[in-house]
Amino acid sequence: MNNLIEELKQLIITSLDLEDVTPADIDPQAPLFGDGLGLDSIDALELGVAVQKKYHVKLDASSADTRQHFHSVANLAKFIESQRST
């Protein structure tokens, strides 16, 4: 799972074009939105598309579960892992 977490950190940086942010700067447990990494709703859409393309997972933007999956890098990694095993 550590490899997936590192992949996700890099995906966040590249898909959102975050300058001056390295994977080491992203705490896997920290919130991606608001106080954590500070992403906004536009970032959420872009990140959702990038995750769907790279990992071939299905996301429902209006689902409360999806919001929980995108809470942190660690949550997102757990979600992707669970989808891979189904």
N, C-alpha and C. Protein backbone atom coordinates (compact mmCIF):
# COMPACT_ATOMS: atom_id res chain seq x y z
N MET A 1 0.82 -1.20 0.00
CA MET A 1 0.00 0.00 0.00
C MET A 1 0.86 1.26 0.00
N ASN A 2 2.08 1.18 0.55
CA ASN A 2 2.95 2.35 0.57
C ASN A 2 3.27 2.84 -0.83
N ASN A 3 3.45 1.89 -1.78
CA ASN A 3 3.71 2.29 -3.16
C ASN A 3 2.52 3.05 -3.73
N LEU A 4 1.31 2.57 -3.44
CA LEU A 4 0.10 3.23 -3.91
C LEU A 4 -0.02 4.62 -3.31
N ILE A 5 0.28 4.76 -2.05
CA ILE A 5 0.23 6.08 -1.41
C ILE A 5 1.20 7.04 -2.09
N GLU A 6 2.40 6.58 -2.38
CA GLU A 6 3.38 7.44 -3.06
C GLU A 6 2.92 7.78 -4.47
N GLU A 7 2.33 6.80 -5.18
CA GLU A 7 1.78 7.06 -6.52
C GLU A 7 0.69 8.13 -6.45
N LEU A 8 -0.18 8.01 -5.46
CA LEU A 8 -1.27 8.97 -5.32
C LEU A 8 -0.75 10.37 -5.01
N LYS A 9 0.25 10.46 -4.18
CA LYS A 9 0.84 11.77 -3.88
C LYS A 9 1.36 12.40 -5.17
N GLN A 10 2.06 11.61 -5.97
CA GLN A 10 2.61 12.13 -7.23
C GLN A 10 1.48 12.49 -8.20
N LEU A 11 0.44 11.67 -8.24
CA LEU A 11 -0.70 11.96 -9.10
C LEU A 11 -1.37 13.28 -8.71
N ILE A 12 -1.51 13.51 -7.42
CA ILE A 12 -2.08 14.77 -6.94
C ILE A 12 -1.24 15.95 -7.42
N ILE A 13 0.05 15.83 -7.25
CA ILE A 13 0.96 16.93 -7.63
C ILE A 13 0.90 17.19 -9.13
N THR A 14 0.98 16.14 -9.93
CA THR A 14 1.03 16.34 -11.38
C THR A 14 -0.33 16.71 -11.96
N SER A 15 -1.40 16.04 -11.52
CA SER A 15 -2.71 16.32 -12.11
C SER A 15 -3.24 17.69 -11.72
N LEU A 16 -2.83 18.18 -10.55
CA LEU A 16 -3.30 19.50 -10.11
C LEU A 16 -2.25 20.59 -10.32
N ASP A 17 -1.13 20.19 -10.91
CA ASP A 17 -0.05 21.14 -11.22
C ASP A 17 0.35 21.95 -9.98
N LEU A 18 0.60 21.23 -8.89
CA LEU A 18 0.98 21.88 -7.64
C LEU A 18 2.47 22.20 -7.67
N GLU A 19 2.78 23.45 -7.75
CA GLU A 19 4.18 23.88 -7.76
C GLU A 19 4.69 23.94 -6.33
N ASP A 20 5.96 23.68 -6.16
CA ASP A 20 6.62 23.75 -4.86
C ASP A 20 6.05 22.76 -3.84
N VAL A 21 5.42 21.69 -4.30
CA VAL A 21 4.94 20.64 -3.41
C VAL A 21 5.61 19.34 -3.84
N THR A 22 6.16 18.62 -2.87
CA THR A 22 6.78 17.33 -3.14
C THR A 22 5.94 16.25 -2.46
N PRO A 23 6.11 14.99 -2.88
CA PRO A 23 5.37 13.93 -2.19
C PRO A 23 5.63 13.91 -0.68
N ALA A 24 6.84 14.26 -0.27
CA ALA A 24 7.16 14.29 1.16
C ALA A 24 6.35 15.35 1.91
N ASP A 25 5.89 16.38 1.20
CA ASP A 25 5.10 17.45 1.82
C ASP A 25 3.67 17.02 2.13
N ILE A 26 3.23 15.93 1.53
CA ILE A 26 1.84 15.49 1.67
C ILE A 26 1.75 14.40 2.73
N ASP A 27 1.09 14.72 3.83
CA ASP A 27 0.86 13.74 4.91
C ASP A 27 -0.30 12.84 4.47
N PRO A 28 -0.08 11.52 4.40
CA PRO A 28 -1.13 10.63 3.93
C PRO A 28 -2.41 10.66 4.77
N GLN A 29 -2.29 11.06 6.03
CA GLN A 29 -3.45 11.10 6.94
C GLN A 29 -4.14 12.47 6.95
N ALA A 30 -3.48 13.49 6.43
CA ALA A 30 -4.03 14.85 6.49
C ALA A 30 -5.17 15.02 5.49
N PRO A 31 -6.13 15.86 5.82
CA PRO A 31 -7.22 16.14 4.88
C PRO A 31 -6.67 16.75 3.59
N LEU A 32 -7.25 16.33 2.47
CA LEU A 32 -6.86 16.90 1.18
C LEU A 32 -7.50 18.26 0.96
N PHE A 33 -8.66 18.46 1.57
CA PHE A 33 -9.42 19.69 1.34
C PHE A 33 -9.48 20.52 2.62
N GLY A 34 -9.69 21.82 2.45
CA GLY A 34 -9.77 22.70 3.61
C GLY A 34 -8.43 22.90 4.28
N ASP A 35 -8.35 22.61 5.56
CA ASP A 35 -7.16 22.90 6.35
C ASP A 35 -5.93 22.07 5.97
N GLY A 36 -6.13 20.89 5.43
CA GLY A 36 -5.01 20.02 5.09
C GLY A 36 -4.21 20.56 3.93
N LEU A 37 -4.31 19.90 2.79
CA LEU A 37 -3.57 20.31 1.59
C LEU A 37 -4.18 21.55 0.97
N GLY A 38 -5.42 21.86 1.32
CA GLY A 38 -6.05 23.08 0.85
C GLY A 38 -6.66 23.01 -0.53
N LEU A 39 -7.01 21.81 -0.98
CA LEU A 39 -7.63 21.68 -2.29
C LEU A 39 -9.06 22.19 -2.25
N ASP A 40 -9.60 22.55 -3.43
CA ASP A 40 -10.97 23.05 -3.50
C ASP A 40 -11.81 22.13 -4.40
N SER A 41 -13.05 22.53 -4.67
CA SER A 41 -13.97 21.67 -5.43
C SER A 41 -13.51 21.43 -6.86
N ILE A 42 -12.89 22.41 -7.47
CA ILE A 42 -12.36 22.23 -8.84
C ILE A 42 -11.24 21.20 -8.80
N ASP A 43 -10.38 21.30 -7.79
CA ASP A 43 -9.32 20.31 -7.63
C ASP A 43 -9.90 18.91 -7.45
N ALA A 44 -11.00 18.83 -6.71
CA ALA A 44 -11.64 17.54 -6.47
C ALA A 44 -12.09 16.90 -7.78
N LEU A 45 -12.67 17.71 -8.65
CA LEU A 45 -13.11 17.20 -9.95
C LEU A 45 -11.92 16.71 -10.78
N GLU A 46 -10.87 17.52 -10.84
CA GLU A 46 -9.69 17.15 -11.62
C GLU A 46 -9.03 15.90 -11.05
N LEU A 47 -8.93 15.83 -9.75
CA LEU A 47 -8.32 14.67 -9.11
C LEU A 47 -9.19 13.43 -9.32
N GLY A 48 -10.50 13.59 -9.22
CA GLY A 48 -11.40 12.46 -9.46
C GLY A 48 -11.24 11.89 -10.85
N VAL A 49 -11.12 12.75 -11.85
CA VAL A 49 -10.93 12.29 -13.23
C VAL A 49 -9.59 11.57 -13.36
N ALA A 50 -8.55 12.13 -12.77
CA ALA A 50 -7.22 11.52 -12.85
C ALA A 50 -7.20 10.15 -12.19
N VAL A 51 -7.85 10.02 -11.04
CA VAL A 51 -7.91 8.75 -10.33
C VAL A 51 -8.69 7.71 -11.15
N GLN A 52 -9.81 8.14 -11.72
CA GLN A 52 -10.60 7.22 -12.53
C GLN A 52 -9.82 6.72 -13.75
N LYS A 53 -9.10 7.61 -14.40
CA LYS A 53 -8.32 7.24 -15.58
C LYS A 53 -7.17 6.30 -15.23
N LYS A 54 -6.45 6.62 -14.18
CA LYS A 54 -5.26 5.84 -13.83
C LYS A 54 -5.60 4.49 -13.21
N TYR A 55 -6.60 4.47 -12.34
CA TYR A 55 -6.88 3.25 -11.57
C TYR A 55 -8.17 2.53 -12.00
N HIS A 56 -8.88 3.09 -12.98
CA HIS A 56 -10.08 2.46 -13.52
C HIS A 56 -11.10 2.13 -12.44
N VAL A 57 -11.32 3.09 -11.54
CA VAL A 57 -12.33 2.94 -10.50
C VAL A 57 -13.53 3.81 -10.84
N LYS A 58 -14.67 3.45 -10.32
CA LYS A 58 -15.89 4.20 -10.56
C LYS A 58 -16.17 5.09 -9.35
N LEU A 59 -16.43 6.36 -9.61
CA LEU A 59 -16.70 7.32 -8.54
C LEU A 59 -18.03 8.01 -8.79
N ASP A 60 -18.77 8.25 -7.72
CA ASP A 60 -20.02 8.99 -7.79
C ASP A 60 -19.83 10.29 -7.02
N ALA A 61 -19.76 11.40 -7.74
CA ALA A 61 -19.45 12.70 -7.14
C ALA A 61 -20.43 13.10 -6.05
N SER A 62 -21.66 12.65 -6.14
CA SER A 62 -22.67 13.07 -5.15
C SER A 62 -22.73 12.14 -3.94
N SER A 63 -21.94 11.10 -3.93
CA SER A 63 -21.98 10.12 -2.84
C SER A 63 -21.18 10.59 -1.63
N ALA A 64 -21.76 10.39 -0.46
CA ALA A 64 -21.03 10.70 0.78
C ALA A 64 -19.84 9.78 0.93
N ASP A 65 -19.94 8.56 0.43
CA ASP A 65 -18.81 7.63 0.47
C ASP A 65 -17.62 8.18 -0.31
N THR A 66 -17.90 8.76 -1.47
CA THR A 66 -16.82 9.32 -2.29
C THR A 66 -16.13 10.45 -1.54
N ARG A 67 -16.89 11.27 -0.86
CA ARG A 67 -16.28 12.35 -0.08
C ARG A 67 -15.35 11.79 0.99
N GLN A 68 -15.77 10.69 1.61
CA GLN A 68 -14.94 10.06 2.62
C GLN A 68 -13.68 9.46 1.99
N HIS A 69 -13.83 8.86 0.82
CA HIS A 69 -12.67 8.28 0.13
C HIS A 69 -11.63 9.36 -0.18
N PHE A 70 -12.09 10.55 -0.51
CA PHE A 70 -11.19 11.64 -0.88
C PHE A 70 -10.77 12.50 0.31
N HIS A 71 -11.07 12.04 1.51
CA HIS A 71 -10.70 12.80 2.71
C HIS A 71 -9.18 12.93 2.82
N SER A 72 -8.47 11.85 2.55
CA SER A 72 -7.01 11.86 2.66
C SER A 72 -6.41 10.90 1.64
N VAL A 73 -5.11 10.99 1.46
CA VAL A 73 -4.42 10.08 0.56
C VAL A 73 -4.58 8.64 1.06
N ALA A 74 -4.48 8.45 2.36
CA ALA A 74 -4.61 7.10 2.93
C ALA A 74 -6.00 6.52 2.64
N ASN A 75 -7.06 7.32 2.81
CA ASN A 75 -8.41 6.85 2.52
C ASN A 75 -8.56 6.51 1.04
N LEU A 76 -7.99 7.34 0.18
CA LEU A 76 -8.08 7.11 -1.25
C LEU A 76 -7.35 5.82 -1.63
N ALA A 77 -6.22 5.58 -1.02
CA ALA A 77 -5.46 4.34 -1.28
C ALA A 77 -6.27 3.12 -0.84
N LYS A 78 -6.91 3.21 0.32
CA LYS A 78 -7.75 2.09 0.80
C LYS A 78 -8.90 1.82 -0.16
N PHE A 79 -9.52 2.87 -0.65
CA PHE A 79 -10.62 2.72 -1.60
C PHE A 79 -10.14 2.04 -2.88
N ILE A 80 -9.03 2.50 -3.43
CA ILE A 80 -8.51 1.92 -4.67
C ILE A 80 -8.15 0.45 -4.46
N GLU A 81 -7.53 0.15 -3.35
CA GLU A 81 -7.19 -1.24 -3.03
C GLU A 81 -8.44 -2.10 -2.94
N SER A 82 -9.49 -1.57 -2.33
CA SER A 82 -10.73 -2.34 -2.20
C SER A 82 -11.37 -2.59 -3.57
N GLN A 83 -11.23 -1.64 -4.49
CA GLN A 83 -11.78 -1.80 -5.83
C GLN A 83 -10.97 -2.79 -6.65
N ARG A 84 -9.69 -2.85 -6.41
CA ARG A 84 -8.82 -3.79 -7.13
C ARG A 84 -9.15 -5.23 -6.76
N SER A 85 -9.59 -5.45 -5.54
CA SER A 85 -9.84 -6.80 -5.07
C SER A 85 -11.23 -7.32 -5.44
N THR A 86 -12.06 -6.44 -6.03
CA THR A 86 -13.41 -6.89 -6.41
C THR A 86 -13.47 -7.28 -7.86
